[in-house]
Amino acid sequence: MKLKENPQLVVILVGHTDNLGSAAYNLAVADRRTEAVSDRLRALGVARNQIRRQPVGSEKNSKLKCDSEACRRTMRRVELVYEWR
Protein backbone atom coordinates (compact mmCIF):
# COMPACT_ATOMS: atom_id res chain seq x y z
CA MET A 1 0.00 0.00 0.00
CA LYS A 2 1.34 3.38 -1.02
CA LEU A 3 0.83 5.00 2.40
CA LYS A 4 2.47 2.20 4.36
CA GLU A 5 5.49 2.23 2.05
CA ASN A 6 5.98 6.02 2.29
CA PRO A 7 5.80 7.36 5.88
CA GLN A 8 6.24 10.92 4.57
CA LEU A 9 3.03 10.62 2.54
CA VAL A 10 -0.20 11.91 4.12
CA VAL A 11 -3.78 11.40 2.98
CA ILE A 12 -6.42 14.06 3.60
CA LEU A 13 -9.93 12.64 3.72
CA VAL A 14 -12.33 15.32 2.43
CA GLY A 15 -15.92 14.42 3.31
CA HIS A 16 -18.84 15.70 1.22
CA THR A 17 -22.62 15.38 1.48
CA ASP A 18 -25.58 16.15 -0.73
CA ASN A 19 -27.48 19.44 -0.60
CA LEU A 20 -30.29 18.16 1.64
CA GLY A 21 -30.32 18.95 5.36
CA SER A 22 -28.93 21.80 7.39
CA ALA A 23 -25.28 22.85 7.25
CA ALA A 24 -24.66 21.50 10.78
CA TYR A 25 -26.30 18.15 9.98
CA ASN A 26 -24.35 17.77 6.73
CA LEU A 27 -21.09 18.60 8.47
CA ALA A 28 -21.78 15.87 11.04
CA VAL A 29 -22.57 13.36 8.27
CA ALA A 30 -19.38 14.32 6.41
CA ASP A 31 -17.40 13.86 9.61
CA ARG A 32 -18.83 10.36 10.10
CA ARG A 33 -17.92 9.51 6.50
CA THR A 34 -14.31 10.60 6.96
CA GLU A 35 -14.18 8.72 10.25
CA ALA A 36 -15.34 5.50 8.56
CA VAL A 37 -12.68 5.79 5.86
CA SER A 38 -10.04 6.66 8.47
CA ASP A 39 -11.01 3.60 10.54
CA ARG A 40 -10.70 1.37 7.47
CA LEU A 41 -7.27 2.78 6.57
CA ARG A 42 -6.12 2.24 10.15
CA ALA A 43 -7.38 -1.35 10.00
CA LEU A 44 -5.24 -1.81 6.88
CA GLY A 45 -2.18 -0.66 8.83
CA VAL A 46 -1.87 3.00 7.86
CA ALA A 47 -0.31 5.08 10.64
CA ARG A 48 -2.65 7.50 12.41
CA ASN A 49 -0.28 10.43 11.79
CA GLN A 50 -0.60 9.86 8.03
CA ILE A 51 -4.37 10.44 8.03
CA ARG A 52 -6.06 13.82 8.25
CA ARG A 53 -9.80 14.38 8.18
CA GLN A 54 -11.51 17.40 6.65
CA PRO A 55 -15.31 17.24 6.64
CA VAL A 56 -16.81 19.97 4.46
CA GLY A 57 -20.42 18.77 4.27
CA SER A 58 -22.40 20.35 1.45
CA GLU A 59 -20.43 23.60 1.58
CA LYS A 60 -18.51 23.01 -1.65
CA ASN A 61 -21.56 21.53 -3.40
CA SER A 62 -24.00 24.28 -2.41
CA LYS A 63 -23.83 26.02 -5.80
CA LEU A 64 -24.72 22.88 -7.74
CA LYS A 65 -28.26 22.53 -9.02
CA CYS A 66 -29.04 18.99 -8.00
CA ASP A 67 -32.66 17.83 -8.07
CA SER A 68 -32.38 14.08 -8.64
CA GLU A 69 -31.34 11.24 -6.37
CA ALA A 70 -28.74 10.16 -8.94
CA CYS A 71 -27.15 13.60 -8.84
CA ARG A 72 -27.20 13.78 -5.03
CA ARG A 73 -25.62 10.32 -4.84
CA THR A 74 -22.53 11.67 -6.62
CA MET A 75 -22.24 14.41 -3.99
CA ARG A 76 -22.00 11.90 -1.11
CA ARG A 77 -18.34 10.94 -1.07
CA VAL A 78 -14.96 11.08 0.59
CA GLU A 79 -12.13 12.34 -1.59
CA LEU A 80 -8.60 11.17 -0.85
CA VAL A 81 -6.02 13.91 -1.36
CA TYR A 82 -2.39 12.90 -1.02
CA GLU A 83 0.45 15.23 -0.09
CA TRP A 84 4.02 14.99 1.15
CA ARG A 85 4.96 16.24 4.61
C-alpha atoms as a PDB file:
ATOM      1  CA  MET A   1       0.000   0.000   0.000  1.00  0.00           C
ATOM      2  CA  LYS A   2       1.345   3.383  -1.018  1.00  0.00           C
ATOM      3  CA  LEU A   3       0.831   5.004   2.403  1.00  0.00           C
ATOM      4  CA  LYS A   4       2.466   2.198   4.362  1.00  0.00           C
ATOM      5  CA  GLU A   5       5.493   2.229   2.050  1.00  0.00           C
ATOM      6  CA  ASN A   6       5.979   6.016   2.295  1.00  0.00           C
ATOM      7  CA  PRO A   7       5.804   7.357   5.876  1.00  0.00           C
ATOM      8  CA  GLN A   8       6.244  10.919   4.568  1.00  0.00           C
ATOM      9  CA  LEU A   9       3.033  10.623   2.544  1.00  0.00           C
ATOM     10  CA  VAL A  10      -0.198  11.910   4.116  1.00  0.00           C
ATOM     11  CA  VAL A  11      -3.783  11.404   2.978  1.00  0.00           C
ATOM     12  CA  ILE A  12      -6.418  14.058   3.604  1.00  0.00           C
ATOM     13  CA  LEU A  13      -9.933  12.643   3.723  1.00  0.00           C
ATOM     14  CA  VAL A  14     -12.327  15.315   2.433  1.00  0.00           C
ATOM     15  CA  GLY A  15     -15.923  14.417   3.315  1.00  0.00           C
ATOM     16  CA  HIS A  16     -18.843  15.698   1.225  1.00  0.00           C
ATOM     17  CA  THR A  17     -22.617  15.382   1.479  1.00  0.00           C
ATOM     18  CA  ASP A  18     -25.582  16.154  -0.728  1.00  0.00           C
ATOM     19  CA  ASN A  19     -27.476  19.438  -0.602  1.00  0.00           C
ATOM     20  CA  LEU A  20     -30.289  18.162   1.636  1.00  0.00           C
ATOM     21  CA  GLY A  21     -30.323  18.947   5.357  1.00  0.00           C
ATOM     22  CA  SER A  22     -28.926  21.801   7.391  1.00  0.00           C
ATOM     23  CA  ALA A  23     -25.277  22.851   7.253  1.00  0.00           C
ATOM     24  CA  ALA A  24     -24.662  21.496  10.777  1.00  0.00           C
ATOM     25  CA  TYR A  25     -26.296  18.146   9.982  1.00  0.00           C
ATOM     26  CA  ASN A  26     -24.347  17.774   6.732  1.00  0.00           C
ATOM     27  CA  LEU A  27     -21.086  18.602   8.467  1.00  0.00           C
ATOM     28  CA  ALA A  28     -21.777  15.869  11.044  1.00  0.00           C
ATOM     29  CA  VAL A  29     -22.568  13.357   8.265  1.00  0.00           C
ATOM     30  CA  ALA A  30     -19.383  14.317   6.407  1.00  0.00           C
ATOM     31  CA  ASP A  31     -17.400  13.863   9.606  1.00  0.00           C
ATOM     32  CA  ARG A  32     -18.829  10.362  10.096  1.00  0.00           C
ATOM     33  CA  ARG A  33     -17.921   9.508   6.504  1.00  0.00           C
ATOM     34  CA  THR A  34     -14.313  10.598   6.960  1.00  0.00           C
ATOM     35  CA  GLU A  35     -14.176   8.716  10.254  1.00  0.00           C
ATOM     36  CA  ALA A  36     -15.345   5.505   8.562  1.00  0.00           C
ATOM     37  CA  VAL A  37     -12.680   5.788   5.856  1.00  0.00           C
ATOM     38  CA  SER A  38     -10.043   6.656   8.466  1.00  0.00           C
ATOM     39  CA  ASP A  39     -11.008   3.598  10.536  1.00  0.00           C
ATOM     40  CA  ARG A  40     -10.704   1.374   7.467  1.00  0.00           C
ATOM     41  CA  LEU A  41      -7.272   2.777   6.569  1.00  0.00           C
ATOM     42  CA  ARG A  42      -6.116   2.243  10.150  1.00  0.00           C
ATOM     43  CA  ALA A  43      -7.379  -1.355  10.004  1.00  0.00           C
ATOM     44  CA  LEU A  44      -5.243  -1.807   6.879  1.00  0.00           C
ATOM     45  CA  GLY A  45      -2.184  -0.662   8.828  1.00  0.00           C
ATOM     46  CA  VAL A  46      -1.873   3.005   7.859  1.00  0.00           C
ATOM     47  CA  ALA A  47      -0.313   5.082  10.645  1.00  0.00           C
ATOM     48  CA  ARG A  48      -2.654   7.503  12.409  1.00  0.00           C
ATOM     49  CA  ASN A  49      -0.282  10.433  11.791  1.00  0.00           C
ATOM     50  CA  GLN A  50      -0.604   9.858   8.029  1.00  0.00           C
ATOM     51  CA  ILE A  51      -4.371  10.437   8.026  1.00  0.00           C
ATOM     52  CA  ARG A  52      -6.061  13.824   8.253  1.00  0.00           C
ATOM     53  CA  ARG A  53      -9.803  14.380   8.179  1.00  0.00           C
ATOM     54  CA  GLN A  54     -11.515  17.400   6.649  1.00  0.00           C
ATOM     55  CA  PRO A  55     -15.313  17.239   6.645  1.00  0.00           C
ATOM     56  CA  VAL A  56     -16.814  19.967   4.459  1.00  0.00           C
ATOM     57  CA  GLY A  57     -20.418  18.766   4.269  1.00  0.00           C
ATOM     58  CA  SER A  58     -22.399  20.353   1.455  1.00  0.00           C
ATOM     59  CA  GLU A  59     -20.433  23.601   1.580  1.00  0.00           C
ATOM     60  CA  LYS A  60     -18.511  23.011  -1.655  1.00  0.00           C
ATOM     61  CA  ASN A  61     -21.557  21.526  -3.400  1.00  0.00           C
ATOM     62  CA  SER A  62     -23.995  24.278  -2.407  1.00  0.00           C
ATOM     63  CA  LYS A  63     -23.830  26.025  -5.796  1.00  0.00           C
ATOM     64  CA  LEU A  64     -24.716  22.881  -7.738  1.00  0.00           C
ATOM     65  CA  LYS A  65     -28.265  22.533  -9.023  1.00  0.00           C
ATOM     66  CA  CYS A  66     -29.038  18.988  -8.003  1.00  0.00           C
ATOM     67  CA  ASP A  67     -32.658  17.832  -8.073  1.00  0.00           C
ATOM     68  CA  SER A  68     -32.384  14.082  -8.639  1.00  0.00           C
ATOM     69  CA  GLU A  69     -31.337  11.236  -6.372  1.00  0.00           C
ATOM     70  CA  ALA A  70     -28.742  10.159  -8.940  1.00  0.00           C
ATOM     71  CA  CYS A  71     -27.152  13.600  -8.840  1.00  0.00           C
ATOM     72  CA  ARG A  72     -27.201  13.777  -5.034  1.00  0.00           C
ATOM     73  CA  ARG A  73     -25.624  10.320  -4.840  1.00  0.00           C
ATOM     74  CA  THR A  74     -22.527  11.672  -6.619  1.00  0.00           C
ATOM     75  CA  MET A  75     -22.244  14.410  -3.989  1.00  0.00           C
ATOM     76  CA  ARG A  76     -22.000  11.904  -1.110  1.00  0.00           C
ATOM     77  CA  ARG A  77     -18.345  10.942  -1.073  1.00  0.00           C
ATOM     78  CA  VAL A  78     -14.959  11.076   0.589  1.00  0.00           C
ATOM     79  CA  GLU A  79     -12.126  12.336  -1.588  1.00  0.00           C
ATOM     80  CA  LEU A  80      -8.601  11.166  -0.847  1.00  0.00           C
ATOM     81  CA  VAL A  81      -6.020  13.909  -1.365  1.00  0.00           C
ATOM     82  CA  TYR A  82      -2.389  12.901  -1.022  1.00  0.00           C
ATOM     83  CA  GLU A  83       0.446  15.227  -0.089  1.00  0.00           C
ATOM     84  CA  TRP A  84       4.018  14.991   1.145  1.00  0.00           C
ATOM     85  CA  ARG A  85       4.959  16.236   4.614  1.00  0.00           C
END
